[in-house]
Amino acid sequence: MTRVAVVGAGSWGTALSAVLAKKGHDTCLWAFEPNVAEQITLGRENTTYLPGIDLPENLRSTADLATAVQGAKIVVSVSPAQVVGVVMAEAARHIQDDALVISASKGLELTTLRRMDEVLAEVLSPEQFDGFTVLSGPSFALEVAQQVPTAVVAASEHADAALAAQDLFKTENFRVYTGDDVIGVELGGALKNVIALGAGVVAGLRCGHNTLAALVTRGLAEIRRLGVAMGAQASTFSGLAGMGDLVLTCTGTLSRNRTVGYRLGQGETLENILSGMSAVAEGVATTTAVHDLAARYGVEMPIAEEVFGILTLGTDPGQAVKNLMERDPRPEDSF
């Protein structure tokens, strides 16, 4: 039995903690909101972020970060991307040096354009960051909690750390592959949310399956282009953290980012959509970060640019589709 701390009690953190607790690990889930920790402790349910799921009796929850991470052999960081730095800087004061840190947050830090591995490399000590592993792939939290068969990837520059993460999480319904492309897995998990916003827009506009297929395919090309420019392996984007997560997020009705895009396509304002959401749609902040990264690396990302226009410049969703369709003709290529 391993002592594990899961930092972040949103839907994804709650689902992962349920997987670990059901395996018999000594699991403590940290919640920012004391009422969420109380819901889990007293009612065995996270009614705020993962309602309808009965949580294991042995899953502990607390709103005290030090209590959650002290003594943990493995710390899973699952806070929203924009607060990972702040939360984990505080957690680092209490994490033991030989703990394995696994990141399961998907996004880019808007103010710095950094991936989560870059954020954590700064706030953790070198000893705490040693063996850092990222967990990503096509995995709706609700379905994982419902024990629907799911496959993800754990990537680390240290093979033994990736294997440790694989062994920690694997169950008969949660299959974990290993890899070594941390940059690619991080970017796949973050960038797919931008394309998912676009997929929601075309669904909201009732464009049809042809449009969605084109958007997903060309969206993957954009993700791969930027990823390779930033040092990722091209092959990663054909795997679970790339194509797998992109297909899921662009087509599944459980996708928060697709839902935001759908409502934009239906004519709602972004402000109105976000004001009624308790969970975070990471793609909204990530879109601005991707816009800036594409400029920094000189990478052409027309779909991401149109999504950026819809979110921040007031571009009409129908006009955004028209803009993409009327771009100058060119040969197809995967990059």
C-alpha atoms as a PDB file:
ATOM      1  CA  MET A   1       0.000   0.000   0.000  1.00  0.00           C
ATOM      2  CA  THR A   2       1.403   3.389  -1.065  1.00  0.00           C
ATOM      3  CA  ARG A   3       0.729   6.727   0.614  1.00  0.00           C
ATOM      4  CA  VAL A   4      -0.549   9.028  -2.167  1.00  0.00           C
ATOM      5  CA  ALA A   5      -1.627  12.672  -2.114  1.00  0.00           C
ATOM      6  CA  VAL A   6      -3.848  13.987  -4.896  1.00  0.00           C
ATOM      7  CA  VAL A   7      -3.693  17.778  -5.037  1.00  0.00           C
ATOM      8  CA  GLY A   8      -6.880  19.129  -6.589  1.00  0.00           C
ATOM      9  CA  ALA A   9     -10.439  17.891  -6.030  1.00  0.00           C
ATOM     10  CA  GLY A  10     -12.022  18.840  -9.313  1.00  0.00           C
ATOM     11  CA  SER A  11     -13.665  16.110 -11.361  1.00  0.00           C
ATOM     12  CA  TRP A  12     -10.366  14.725 -12.670  1.00  0.00           C
ATOM     13  CA  GLY A  13      -8.547  14.762  -9.342  1.00  0.00           C
ATOM     14  CA  THR A  14     -11.533  13.136  -7.661  1.00  0.00           C
ATOM     15  CA  ALA A  15     -11.737  10.408 -10.317  1.00  0.00           C
ATOM     16  CA  LEU A  16      -8.017   9.638 -10.070  1.00  0.00           C
ATOM     17  CA  SER A  17      -8.155   9.524  -6.278  1.00  0.00           C
ATOM     18  CA  ALA A  18     -11.065   7.086  -6.508  1.00  0.00           C
ATOM     19  CA  VAL A  19      -9.009   4.821  -8.800  1.00  0.00           C
ATOM     20  CA  LEU A  20      -6.121   4.856  -6.337  1.00  0.00           C
ATOM     21  CA  ALA A  21      -8.239   4.333  -3.233  1.00  0.00           C
ATOM     22  CA  LYS A  22     -10.099   1.413  -4.830  1.00  0.00           C
ATOM     23  CA  LYS A  23      -6.718  -0.208  -5.464  1.00  0.00           C
ATOM     24  CA  GLY A  24      -6.070  -0.027  -1.738  1.00  0.00           C
ATOM     25  CA  HIS A  25      -3.576   2.849  -1.729  1.00  0.00           C
ATOM     26  CA  ASP A  26      -3.588   5.173   1.288  1.00  0.00           C
ATOM     27  CA  THR A  27      -5.014   8.122  -0.643  1.00  0.00           C
ATOM     28  CA  CYS A  28      -5.651  11.662   0.579  1.00  0.00           C
ATOM     29  CA  LEU A  29      -7.397  14.162  -1.706  1.00  0.00           C
ATOM     30  CA  TRP A  30      -6.776  17.875  -1.133  1.00  0.00           C
ATOM     31  CA  ALA A  31      -9.634  20.231  -1.903  1.00  0.00           C
ATOM     32  CA  PHE A  32      -9.249  24.001  -2.097  1.00  0.00           C
ATOM     33  CA  GLU A  33     -12.834  24.449  -0.894  1.00  0.00           C
ATOM     34  CA  PRO A  34     -13.426  23.164   2.652  1.00  0.00           C
ATOM     35  CA  ASN A  35     -17.034  22.317   1.776  1.00  0.00           C
ATOM     36  CA  VAL A  36     -15.837  19.962  -0.980  1.00  0.00           C
ATOM     37  CA  ALA A  37     -13.552  18.152   1.447  1.00  0.00           C
ATOM     38  CA  GLU A  38     -16.482  17.887   3.846  1.00  0.00           C
ATOM     39  CA  GLN A  39     -18.762  16.500   1.130  1.00  0.00           C
ATOM     40  CA  ILE A  40     -16.261  13.757   0.400  1.00  0.00           C
ATOM     41  CA  THR A  41     -15.519  12.962   4.039  1.00  0.00           C
ATOM     42  CA  LEU A  42     -19.090  12.915   5.289  1.00  0.00           C
ATOM     43  CA  GLY A  43     -21.151  12.104   2.229  1.00  0.00           C
ATOM     44  CA  ARG A  44     -18.724   9.965   0.185  1.00  0.00           C
ATOM     45  CA  GLU A  45     -19.496  12.124  -2.872  1.00  0.00           C
ATOM     46  CA  ASN A  46     -18.050  15.233  -4.528  1.00  0.00           C
ATOM     47  CA  THR A  47     -21.399  16.828  -5.273  1.00  0.00           C
ATOM     48  CA  THR A  48     -19.745  20.002  -6.610  1.00  0.00           C
ATOM     49  CA  TYR A  49     -17.460  18.528  -9.277  1.00  0.00           C
ATOM     50  CA  LEU A  50     -18.316  14.834  -9.692  1.00  0.00           C
ATOM     51  CA  PRO A  51     -21.911  14.306  -8.568  1.00  0.00           C
ATOM     52  CA  GLY A  52     -23.491  10.880  -8.655  1.00  0.00           C
ATOM     53  CA  ILE A  53     -20.297   8.933  -7.984  1.00  0.00           C
ATOM     54  CA  ASP A  54     -19.969   6.989  -4.729  1.00  0.00           C
ATOM     55  CA  LEU A  55     -16.405   7.400  -3.500  1.00  0.00           C
ATOM     56  CA  PRO A  56     -14.464   4.665  -1.669  1.00  0.00           C
ATOM     57  CA  GLU A  57     -14.770   4.614   2.111  1.00  0.00           C
ATOM     58  CA  ASN A  58     -10.983   4.597   2.476  1.00  0.00           C
ATOM     59  CA  LEU A  59     -10.537   7.817   0.466  1.00  0.00           C
ATOM     60  CA  ARG A  60      -9.621  10.641   2.830  1.00  0.00           C
ATOM     61  CA  SER A  61     -10.063  14.326   1.994  1.00  0.00           C
ATOM     62  CA  THR A  62      -8.814  17.541   3.583  1.00  0.00           C
ATOM     63  CA  ALA A  63      -8.661  21.260   2.860  1.00  0.00           C
ATOM     64  CA  ASP A  64      -5.257  21.474   4.579  1.00  0.00           C
ATOM     65  CA  LEU A  65      -2.533  21.142   1.969  1.00  0.00           C
ATOM     66  CA  ALA A  66       0.252  20.287   4.388  1.00  0.00           C
ATOM     67  CA  THR A  67      -1.805  17.482   5.889  1.00  0.00           C
ATOM     68  CA  ALA A  68      -2.507  16.068   2.439  1.00  0.00           C
ATOM     69  CA  VAL A  69       1.071  15.875   1.158  1.00  0.00           C
ATOM     70  CA  GLN A  70       3.138  15.235   4.287  1.00  0.00           C
ATOM     71  CA  GLY A  71       4.552  11.722   4.235  1.00  0.00           C
ATOM     72  CA  ALA A  72       3.227  10.937   0.755  1.00  0.00           C
ATOM     73  CA  LYS A  73       5.464   8.794  -1.422  1.00  0.00           C
ATOM     74  CA  ILE A  74       3.610   9.983  -4.534  1.00  0.00           C
ATOM     75  CA  VAL A  75       2.041  13.411  -5.111  1.00  0.00           C
ATOM     76  CA  VAL A  76      -0.375  13.842  -8.028  1.00  0.00           C
ATOM     77  CA  SER A  77      -0.815  17.470  -9.106  1.00  0.00           C
ATOM     78  CA  VAL A  78      -4.285  17.987 -10.616  1.00  0.00           C
ATOM     79  CA  SER A  79      -5.130  21.636  -9.928  1.00  0.00           C
ATOM     80  CA  PRO A  80      -6.316  23.894 -12.797  1.00  0.00           C
ATOM     81  CA  ALA A  81      -3.325  24.915 -14.911  1.00  0.00           C
ATOM     82  CA  GLN A  82      -3.505  28.598 -13.993  1.00  0.00           C
ATOM     83  CA  VAL A  83      -3.045  27.896 -10.269  1.00  0.00           C
ATOM     84  CA  VAL A  84      -0.677  24.909 -10.353  1.00  0.00           C
ATOM     85  CA  GLY A  85       2.331  27.140  -9.678  1.00  0.00           C
ATOM     86  CA  VAL A  86       0.817  28.785  -6.605  1.00  0.00           C
ATOM     87  CA  VAL A  87      -0.631  25.581  -5.160  1.00  0.00           C
ATOM     88  CA  MET A  88       2.424  23.423  -5.711  1.00  0.00           C
ATOM     89  CA  ALA A  89       4.831  26.106  -4.450  1.00  0.00           C
ATOM     90  CA  GLU A  90       2.994  25.891  -1.131  1.00  0.00           C
ATOM     91  CA  ALA A  91       2.832  22.084  -1.294  1.00  0.00           C
ATOM     92  CA  ALA A  92       6.586  21.878  -1.961  1.00  0.00           C
ATOM     93  CA  ARG A  93       7.263  23.111   1.567  1.00  0.00           C
ATOM     94  CA  HIS A  94       5.796  19.853   2.881  1.00  0.00           C
ATOM     95  CA  ILE A  95       6.617  17.282   0.157  1.00  0.00           C
ATOM     96  CA  GLN A  96       9.425  14.904   1.043  1.00  0.00           C
ATOM     97  CA  ASP A  97      12.448  14.946  -1.254  1.00  0.00           C
ATOM     98  CA  ASP A  98      12.111  11.331  -2.368  1.00  0.00           C
ATOM     99  CA  ALA A  99       8.439  11.640  -3.392  1.00  0.00           C
ATOM    100  CA  LEU A 100       7.465  11.023  -7.017  1.00  0.00           C
ATOM    101  CA  VAL A 101       5.521  13.977  -8.448  1.00  0.00           C
ATOM    102  CA  ILE A 102       3.032  13.198 -11.221  1.00  0.00           C
ATOM    103  CA  SER A 103       1.241  15.958 -13.122  1.00  0.00           C
ATOM    104  CA  ALA A 104      -2.263  15.317 -14.486  1.00  0.00           C
ATOM    105  CA  SER A 105      -3.241  18.944 -15.213  1.00  0.00           C
ATOM    106  CA  LYS A 106      -3.805  19.846 -18.862  1.00  0.00           C
ATOM    107  CA  GLY A 107      -3.005  23.375 -19.914  1.00  0.00           C
ATOM    108  CA  LEU A 108      -0.457  26.147 -20.319  1.00  0.00           C
ATOM    109  CA  GLU A 109       0.247  28.913 -17.828  1.00  0.00           C
ATOM    110  CA  LEU A 110      -1.176  31.992 -19.511  1.00  0.00           C
ATOM    111  CA  THR A 111       1.117  34.597 -17.948  1.00  0.00           C
ATOM    112  CA  THR A 112       4.337  32.756 -18.837  1.00  0.00           C
ATOM    113  CA  LEU A 113       3.283  30.370 -21.666  1.00  0.00           C
ATOM    114  CA  ARG A 114       4.924  27.531 -19.723  1.00  0.00           C
ATOM    115  CA  ARG A 115       3.934  23.872 -19.701  1.00  0.00           C
ATOM    116  CA  MET A 116       3.148  22.263 -16.364  1.00  0.00           C
ATOM    117  CA  ASP A 117       6.518  20.485 -16.267  1.00  0.00           C
ATOM    118  CA  GLU A 118       8.226  23.881 -16.608  1.00  0.00           C
ATOM    119  CA  VAL A 119       6.057  25.384 -13.874  1.00  0.00           C
ATOM    120  CA  LEU A 120       6.761  22.505 -11.504  1.00  0.00           C
ATOM    121  CA  ALA A 121      10.484  22.500 -12.268  1.00  0.00           C
ATOM    122  CA  GLU A 122      10.573  26.033 -10.867  1.00  0.00           C
ATOM    123  CA  VAL A 123       8.494  25.580  -7.709  1.00  0.00           C
ATOM    124  CA  LEU A 124       9.761  22.137  -6.651  1.00  0.00           C
ATOM    125  CA  SER A 125      13.254  21.412  -5.385  1.00  0.00           C
ATOM    126  CA  PRO A 126      15.589  19.499  -7.738  1.00  0.00           C
ATOM    127  CA  GLU A 127      15.131  16.428  -5.527  1.00  0.00           C
ATOM    128  CA  GLN A 128      11.336  16.693  -5.621  1.00  0.00           C
ATOM    129  CA  PHE A 129      11.315  17.224  -9.390  1.00  0.00           C
ATOM    130  CA  ASP A 130      13.634  14.300 -10.052  1.00  0.00           C
ATOM    131  CA  GLY A 131      11.601  11.589 -11.781  1.00  0.00           C
ATOM    132  CA  PHE A 132       8.805  13.982 -12.720  1.00  0.00           C
ATOM    133  CA  THR A 133       6.089  12.224 -14.730  1.00  0.00           C
ATOM    134  CA  VAL A 134       3.088  13.493 -16.684  1.00  0.00           C
ATOM    135  CA  LEU A 135      -0.151  11.512 -17.021  1.00  0.00           C
ATOM    136  CA  SER A 136      -2.421  12.301 -19.969  1.00  0.00           C
ATOM    137  CA  GLY A 137      -4.668  10.801 -22.616  1.00  0.00           C
ATOM    138  CA  PRO A 138      -8.325  10.444 -23.608  1.00  0.00           C
ATOM    139  CA  SER A 139     -10.053  10.234 -20.244  1.00  0.00           C
ATOM    140  CA  PHE A 140     -13.284  11.908 -19.209  1.00  0.00           C
ATOM    141  CA  ALA A 141     -13.301  12.020 -15.420  1.00  0.00           C
ATOM    142  CA  LEU A 142     -16.859  10.760 -15.104  1.00  0.00           C
ATOM    143  CA  GLU A 143     -16.191   7.677 -17.231  1.00  0.00           C
ATOM    144  CA  VAL A 144     -12.986   6.896 -15.325  1.00  0.00           C
ATOM    145  CA  ALA A 145     -14.937   7.138 -12.069  1.00  0.00           C
ATOM    146  CA  GLN A 146     -17.589   4.851 -13.571  1.00  0.00           C
ATOM    147  CA  GLN A 147     -14.784   2.359 -14.382  1.00  0.00           C
ATOM    148  CA  VAL A 148     -15.316   2.581 -18.145  1.00  0.00           C
ATOM    149  CA  PRO A 149     -12.276   0.990 -19.896  1.00  0.00           C
ATOM    150  CA  THR A 150      -9.766   3.808 -20.472  1.00  0.00           C
ATOM    151  CA  ALA A 151      -6.187   4.050 -21.742  1.00  0.00           C
ATOM    152  CA  VAL A 152      -3.705   6.836 -20.937  1.00  0.00           C
ATOM    153  CA  VAL A 153       0.056   7.403 -21.074  1.00  0.00           C
ATOM    154  CA  ALA A 154       2.584   8.174 -18.329  1.00  0.00           C
ATOM    155  CA  ALA A 155       5.656   9.946 -19.713  1.00  0.00           C
ATOM    156  CA  SER A 156       8.926  10.687 -17.953  1.00  0.00           C
ATOM    157  CA  GLU A 157      12.562  11.202 -18.852  1.00  0.00           C
ATOM    158  CA  HIS A 158      13.256   8.529 -16.242  1.00  0.00           C
ATOM    159  CA  ALA A 159      11.978   5.114 -17.330  1.00  0.00           C
ATOM    160  CA  ASP A 160      11.690   3.851 -13.749  1.00  0.00           C
ATOM    161  CA  ALA A 161       9.450   6.785 -12.816  1.00  0.00           C
ATOM    162  CA  ALA A 162       7.123   6.146 -15.764  1.00  0.00           C
ATOM    163  CA  LEU A 163       6.942   2.474 -14.771  1.00  0.00           C
ATOM    164  CA  ALA A 164       6.175   3.457 -11.169  1.00  0.00           C
ATOM    165  CA  ALA A 165       3.291   5.655 -12.351  1.00  0.00           C
ATOM    166  CA  GLN A 166       2.060   2.848 -14.597  1.00  0.00           C
ATOM    167  CA  ASP A 167       2.084   0.400 -11.712  1.00  0.00           C
ATOM    168  CA  LEU A 168       0.400   2.894  -9.383  1.00  0.00           C
ATOM    169  CA  PHE A 169      -2.609   3.607 -11.589  1.00  0.00           C
ATOM    170  CA  LYS A 170      -3.153   0.476 -13.675  1.00  0.00           C
ATOM    171  CA  THR A 171      -6.341  -1.488 -13.061  1.00  0.00           C
ATOM    172  CA  GLU A 172      -8.458  -3.832 -15.146  1.00  0.00           C
ATOM    173  CA  ASN A 173     -10.324  -0.752 -16.430  1.00  0.00           C
ATOM    174  CA  PHE A 174      -7.535   1.851 -16.436  1.00  0.00           C
ATOM    175  CA  ARG A 175      -4.696   0.903 -18.783  1.00  0.00           C
ATOM    176  CA  VAL A 176      -1.490   2.937 -18.590  1.00  0.00           C
ATOM    177  CA  TYR A 177       1.176   3.004 -21.298  1.00  0.00           C
ATOM    178  CA  THR A 178       4.620   4.530 -20.755  1.00  0.00           C
ATOM    179  CA  GLY A 179       6.658   6.991 -22.789  1.00  0.00           C
ATOM    180  CA  ASP A 180       9.535   9.432 -22.554  1.00  0.00           C
ATOM    181  CA  ASP A 181       8.243  12.480 -24.450  1.00  0.00           C
ATOM    182  CA  VAL A 182       7.219  14.774 -21.596  1.00  0.00           C
ATOM    183  CA  ILE A 183       6.985  17.844 -23.840  1.00  0.00           C
ATOM    184  CA  GLY A 184       4.784  16.107 -26.401  1.00  0.00           C
ATOM    185  CA  VAL A 185       2.440  14.581 -23.845  1.00  0.00           C
ATOM    186  CA  GLU A 186       2.123  17.922 -22.023  1.00  0.00           C
ATOM    187  CA  LEU A 187       1.370  19.790 -25.253  1.00  0.00           C
ATOM    188  CA  GLY A 188      -1.024  17.173 -26.577  1.00  0.00           C
ATOM    189  CA  GLY A 189      -3.110  17.437 -23.429  1.00  0.00           C
ATOM    190  CA  ALA A 190      -3.133  21.236 -23.536  1.00  0.00           C
ATOM    191  CA  LEU A 191      -3.488  22.058 -27.229  1.00  0.00           C
ATOM    192  CA  LYS A 192      -6.351  19.666 -27.942  1.00  0.00           C
ATOM    193  CA  ASN A 193      -8.596  21.882 -25.822  1.00  0.00           C
ATOM    194  CA  VAL A 194      -8.184  24.740 -28.288  1.00  0.00           C
ATOM    195  CA  ILE A 195      -9.270  22.574 -31.203  1.00  0.00           C
ATOM    196  CA  ALA A 196     -12.131  21.205 -29.074  1.00  0.00           C
ATOM    197  CA  LEU A 197     -13.469  24.741 -28.695  1.00  0.00           C
ATOM    198  CA  GLY A 198     -13.486  24.951 -32.492  1.00  0.00           C
ATOM    199  CA  ALA A 199     -15.190  21.572 -32.732  1.00  0.00           C
ATOM    200  CA  GLY A 200     -17.897  22.824 -30.422  1.00  0.00           C
ATOM    201  CA  VAL A 201     -18.331  25.937 -32.538  1.00  0.00           C
ATOM    202  CA  VAL A 202     -18.913  23.968 -35.737  1.00  0.00           C
ATOM    203  CA  ALA A 203     -21.342  21.686 -33.887  1.00  0.00           C
ATOM    204  CA  GLY A 204     -23.184  24.734 -32.594  1.00  0.00           C
ATOM    205  CA  LEU A 205     -23.353  26.075 -36.142  1.00  0.00           C
ATOM    206  CA  ARG A 206     -24.716  22.687 -37.279  1.00  0.00           C
ATOM    207  CA  CYS A 207     -21.992  22.315 -39.893  1.00  0.00           C
ATOM    208  CA  GLY A 208     -22.090  18.521 -39.995  1.00  0.00           C
ATOM    209  CA  HIS A 209     -19.734  15.561 -39.799  1.00  0.00           C
ATOM    210  CA  ASN A 210     -17.663  16.571 -42.831  1.00  0.00           C
ATOM    211  CA  THR A 211     -16.709  19.822 -41.148  1.00  0.00           C
ATOM    212  CA  LEU A 212     -15.843  18.142 -37.864  1.00  0.00           C
ATOM    213  CA  ALA A 213     -13.657  15.534 -39.567  1.00  0.00           C
ATOM    214  CA  ALA A 214     -11.752  18.247 -41.426  1.00  0.00           C
ATOM    215  CA  LEU A 215     -11.317  20.326 -38.281  1.00  0.00           C
ATOM    216  CA  VAL A 216     -10.017  17.420 -36.190  1.00  0.00           C
ATOM    217  CA  THR A 217      -7.584  16.311 -38.907  1.00  0.00           C
ATOM    218  CA  ARG A 218      -6.203  19.771 -39.637  1.00  0.00           C
ATOM    219  CA  GLY A 219      -6.272  20.605 -35.951  1.00  0.00           C
ATOM    220  CA  LEU A 220      -3.989  17.655 -35.270  1.00  0.00           C
ATOM    221  CA  ALA A 221      -1.606  18.963 -37.943  1.00  0.00           C
ATOM    222  CA  GLU A 222      -1.483  22.311 -36.150  1.00  0.00           C
ATOM    223  CA  ILE A 223      -0.838  20.687 -32.782  1.00  0.00           C
ATOM    224  CA  ARG A 224       1.950  18.572 -34.265  1.00  0.00           C
ATOM    225  CA  ARG A 225       3.525  21.591 -35.978  1.00  0.00           C
ATOM    226  CA  LEU A 226       3.768  23.611 -32.788  1.00  0.00           C
ATOM    227  CA  GLY A 227       4.761  20.598 -30.716  1.00  0.00           C
ATOM    228  CA  VAL A 228       7.694  19.698 -32.948  1.00  0.00           C
ATOM    229  CA  ALA A 229       8.810  23.338 -32.998  1.00  0.00           C
ATOM    230  CA  MET A 230       8.854  23.258 -29.200  1.00  0.00           C
ATOM    231  CA  GLY A 231      10.914  20.075 -29.014  1.00  0.00           C
ATOM    232  CA  ALA A 232       8.331  17.292 -28.932  1.00  0.00           C
ATOM    233  CA  GLN A 233       8.501  14.028 -30.875  1.00  0.00           C
ATOM    234  CA  ALA A 234       6.172  14.057 -33.899  1.00  0.00           C
ATOM    235  CA  SER A 235       5.067  10.471 -33.229  1.00  0.00           C
ATOM    236  CA  THR A 236       3.615  11.417 -29.832  1.00  0.00           C
ATOM    237  CA  PHE A 237       0.771  13.265 -31.532  1.00  0.00           C
ATOM    238  CA  SER A 238      -0.392  10.077 -33.244  1.00  0.00           C
ATOM    239  CA  GLY A 239      -0.826   8.412 -29.869  1.00  0.00           C
ATOM    240  CA  LEU A 240      -3.108   8.599 -26.858  1.00  0.00           C
ATOM    241  CA  ALA A 241      -1.961  12.039 -25.683  1.00  0.00           C
ATOM    242  CA  GLY A 242      -2.332  13.445 -29.187  1.00  0.00           C
ATOM    243  CA  MET A 243      -4.892  11.993 -31.576  1.00  0.00           C
ATOM    244  CA  GLY A 244      -6.613   9.998 -28.827  1.00  0.00           C
ATOM    245  CA  ASP A 245      -7.284  12.941 -26.545  1.00  0.00           C
ATOM    246  CA  LEU A 246      -8.131  15.198 -29.489  1.00  0.00           C
ATOM    247  CA  VAL A 247     -10.795  12.845 -30.853  1.00  0.00           C
ATOM    248  CA  LEU A 248     -12.334  12.389 -27.411  1.00  0.00           C
ATOM    249  CA  THR A 249     -12.463  16.084 -26.579  1.00  0.00           C
ATOM    250  CA  CYS A 250     -13.749  17.153 -29.989  1.00  0.00           C
ATOM    251  CA  THR A 251     -16.550  14.591 -30.184  1.00  0.00           C
ATOM    252  CA  GLY A 252     -17.605  13.768 -26.621  1.00  0.00           C
ATOM    253  CA  THR A 253     -20.507  15.630 -25.072  1.00  0.00           C
ATOM    254  CA  LEU A 254     -18.791  15.447 -21.659  1.00  0.00           C
ATOM    255  CA  SER A 255     -16.073  17.797 -22.936  1.00  0.00           C
ATOM    256  CA  ARG A 256     -16.236  21.164 -21.175  1.00  0.00           C
ATOM    257  CA  ASN A 257     -14.276  22.844 -23.957  1.00  0.00           C
ATOM    258  CA  ARG A 258     -16.492  21.451 -26.699  1.00  0.00           C
ATOM    259  CA  THR A 259     -19.518  22.581 -24.696  1.00  0.00           C
ATOM    260  CA  VAL A 260     -18.184  26.128 -24.435  1.00  0.00           C
ATOM    261  CA  GLY A 261     -17.541  26.152 -28.189  1.00  0.00           C
ATOM    262  CA  TYR A 262     -20.991  24.761 -28.908  1.00  0.00           C
ATOM    263  CA  ARG A 263     -22.654  27.508 -26.941  1.00  0.00           C
ATOM    264  CA  LEU A 264     -20.506  30.113 -28.697  1.00  0.00           C
ATOM    265  CA  GLY A 265     -21.636  28.666 -32.019  1.00  0.00           C
ATOM    266  CA  GLN A 266     -25.220  28.985 -30.811  1.00  0.00           C
ATOM    267  CA  GLY A 267     -24.705  32.700 -30.230  1.00  0.00           C
ATOM    268  CA  GLU A 268     -24.050  32.959 -26.483  1.00  0.00           C
ATOM    269  CA  THR A 269     -21.345  35.265 -25.161  1.00  0.00           C
ATOM    270  CA  LEU A 270     -18.223  33.840 -23.568  1.00  0.00           C
ATOM    271  CA  GLU A 271     -18.830  35.871 -20.417  1.00  0.00           C
ATOM    272  CA  ASN A 272     -22.285  34.405 -19.980  1.00  0.00           C
ATOM    273  CA  ILE A 273     -21.090  30.848 -20.597  1.00  0.00           C
ATOM    274  CA  LEU A 274     -18.200  30.995 -18.133  1.00  0.00           C
ATOM    275  CA  SER A 275     -20.232  32.722 -15.423  1.00  0.00           C
ATOM    276  CA  GLY A 276     -22.463  29.655 -15.129  1.00  0.00           C
ATOM    277  CA  MET A 277     -19.664  27.046 -14.999  1.00  0.00           C
ATOM    278  CA  SER A 278     -18.236  25.649 -11.760  1.00  0.00           C
ATOM    279  CA  ALA A 279     -15.541  23.602 -13.511  1.00  0.00           C
ATOM    280  CA  VAL A 280     -12.704  25.094 -15.555  1.00  0.00           C
ATOM    281  CA  ALA A 281     -12.631  24.951 -19.361  1.00  0.00           C
ATOM    282  CA  GLU A 282      -8.838  25.015 -19.731  1.00  0.00           C
ATOM    283  CA  GLY A 283      -8.983  25.734 -23.458  1.00  0.00           C
ATOM    284  CA  VAL A 284     -10.117  29.327 -22.955  1.00  0.00           C
ATOM    285  CA  ALA A 285      -6.858  30.425 -21.322  1.00  0.00           C
ATOM    286  CA  THR A 286      -4.821  27.980 -23.402  1.00  0.00           C
ATOM    287  CA  THR A 287      -6.075  29.552 -26.640  1.00  0.00           C
ATOM    288  CA  THR A 288      -4.433  32.862 -25.789  1.00  0.00           C
ATOM    289  CA  ALA A 289      -1.237  31.081 -24.751  1.00  0.00           C
ATOM    290  CA  VAL A 290      -1.206  29.130 -28.033  1.00  0.00           C
ATOM    291  CA  HIS A 291      -1.758  32.326 -30.017  1.00  0.00           C
ATOM    292  CA  ASP A 292       1.357  33.783 -28.370  1.00  0.00           C
ATOM    293  CA  LEU A 293       3.408  30.591 -28.709  1.00  0.00           C
ATOM    294  CA  ALA A 294       2.571  30.272 -32.413  1.00  0.00           C
ATOM    295  CA  ALA A 295       3.879  33.803 -32.929  1.00  0.00           C
ATOM    296  CA  ARG A 296       6.985  33.100 -30.861  1.00  0.00           C
ATOM    297  CA  TYR A 297       7.878  29.957 -32.822  1.00  0.00           C
ATOM    298  CA  GLY A 298       6.694  31.200 -36.222  1.00  0.00           C
ATOM    299  CA  VAL A 299       4.171  28.363 -36.583  1.00  0.00           C
ATOM    300  CA  GLU A 300       1.046  28.688 -38.728  1.00  0.00           C
ATOM    301  CA  MET A 301      -2.082  27.649 -36.768  1.00  0.00           C
ATOM    302  CA  PRO A 302      -5.136  28.939 -38.658  1.00  0.00           C
ATOM    303  CA  ILE A 303      -7.761  27.016 -36.662  1.00  0.00           C
ATOM    304  CA  ALA A 304      -6.283  28.131 -33.342  1.00  0.00           C
ATOM    305  CA  GLU A 305      -6.147  31.697 -34.665  1.00  0.00           C
ATOM    306  CA  GLU A 306      -9.838  31.668 -35.567  1.00  0.00           C
ATOM    307  CA  VAL A 307     -10.726  30.263 -32.154  1.00  0.00           C
ATOM    308  CA  PHE A 308      -8.648  33.047 -30.620  1.00  0.00           C
ATOM    309  CA  GLY A 309     -10.562  35.546 -32.729  1.00  0.00           C
ATOM    310  CA  ILE A 310     -13.910  34.221 -31.539  1.00  0.00           C
ATOM    311  CA  LEU A 311     -12.859  34.280 -27.887  1.00  0.00           C
ATOM    312  CA  THR A 312     -11.035  37.590 -27.734  1.00  0.00           C
ATOM    313  CA  LEU A 313     -11.650  39.678 -30.849  1.00  0.00           C
ATOM    314  CA  GLY A 314     -15.368  39.213 -31.315  1.00  0.00           C
ATOM    315  CA  THR A 315     -15.088  37.265 -34.579  1.00  0.00           C
ATOM    316  CA  ASP A 316     -18.453  35.875 -35.628  1.00  0.00           C
ATOM    317  CA  PRO A 317     -18.310  32.032 -35.459  1.00  0.00           C
ATOM    318  CA  GLY A 318     -19.822  31.655 -38.934  1.00  0.00           C
ATOM    319  CA  GLN A 319     -17.283  34.097 -40.336  1.00  0.00           C
ATOM    320  CA  ALA A 320     -14.471  32.151 -38.674  1.00  0.00           C
ATOM    321  CA  VAL A 321     -15.493  29.005 -40.576  1.00  0.00           C
ATOM    322  CA  LYS A 322     -15.710  31.038 -43.789  1.00  0.00           C
ATOM    323  CA  ASN A 323     -12.226  32.431 -43.169  1.00  0.00           C
ATOM    324  CA  LEU A 324     -10.798  28.928 -42.882  1.00  0.00           C
ATOM    325  CA  MET A 325     -12.570  27.621 -45.976  1.00  0.00           C
ATOM    326  CA  GLU A 326     -11.433  30.566 -48.117  1.00  0.00           C
ATOM    327  CA  ARG A 327      -7.732  30.406 -47.261  1.00  0.00           C
ATOM    328  CA  ASP A 328      -5.400  30.174 -50.245  1.00  0.00           C
ATOM    329  CA  PRO A 329      -5.281  26.639 -51.710  1.00  0.00           C
ATOM    330  CA  ARG A 330      -2.246  24.548 -50.816  1.00  0.00           C
ATOM    331  CA  PRO A 331      -1.014  20.937 -50.851  1.00  0.00           C
ATOM    332  CA  GLU A 332      -1.993  18.783 -47.900  1.00  0.00           C
ATOM    333  CA  ASP A 333       0.800  17.882 -45.523  1.00  0.00           C
ATOM    334  CA  SER A 334       0.917  16.535 -42.002  1.00  0.00           C
ATOM    335  CA  PHE A 335       2.822  19.532 -40.742  1.00  0.00           C
END
